[in-house]
Amino acid sequence: MDIVKKHEPITSEQIADKLNLTRSALRPDLAVLTMIGILEARPRVGYFFTGKVPKNLISERISDIKVDKIKSVPSVIKEETSVYDAIVTLFLTDVGTLFITGKEGNLAGLVSRKDLLKTAIGNADIHKMPVGIVMTRMPNIITVTPEESAYDAARKIVDHQVDALPVVKVIVEDNHEKHKIVGKVTKTTITKLFVELGKT
């Protein structure tokens, strides 16, 4: 990169000479740098530095990926579900957060492993207590929409120190916003995305 910056445009033969390498030994590195957008190759002219750096490229890639492409299926229960049944659902679905819907099927709240653990070790009758009593309610829930970027979702997870975000479609009825849950994004989702991007 430094050689191209100083001597652009520069051919692969000239770069190879400066590094005391053969052109064929250098070819894979130039191909990668061109493919990820750091260098630009022009036939019969040579290589140019695009001005992009790896950090900016990663940011661009994550910003280009929409939540709709990375969201997964949420585990959803109803507000009247008992805390006991919520705990069973949590273990059966192997998740850290359950999303809770109200009577109309819109997002009403969420409950985490910690919330359920606190309730279970208390004196409450978890067979009779509805999960709606212990859940975090709207509008105190950080949400993300399918149109937002993976970067936006990751930033919300970090900024608000949450494990999962419900992916919602916002519907306005009678001047009231209702949130239909269409997916979820978790810390695991973001980690998997980074692993996938690292492979390309």
Foldseek 3Di string as FASTA:
>chain_A
DVVQAVDPQDALCRVCVVVVHDSVVCVVVVVVCCVLPQWPADPPGHIHGPPDDPVVSVVVVQQPAFQLVLFAAAAEDEQQQFLVVVVVSCVVVVDFKYFYAYPVQFTFFMDGPVLSVVVVPDPDPRNRHGCNVRTDGPPVADAAERGGTSVVVVVCCVVVVDFKHFHWDWDADPNDTTTHGDGMDGPVSSVVVVVVVVVD
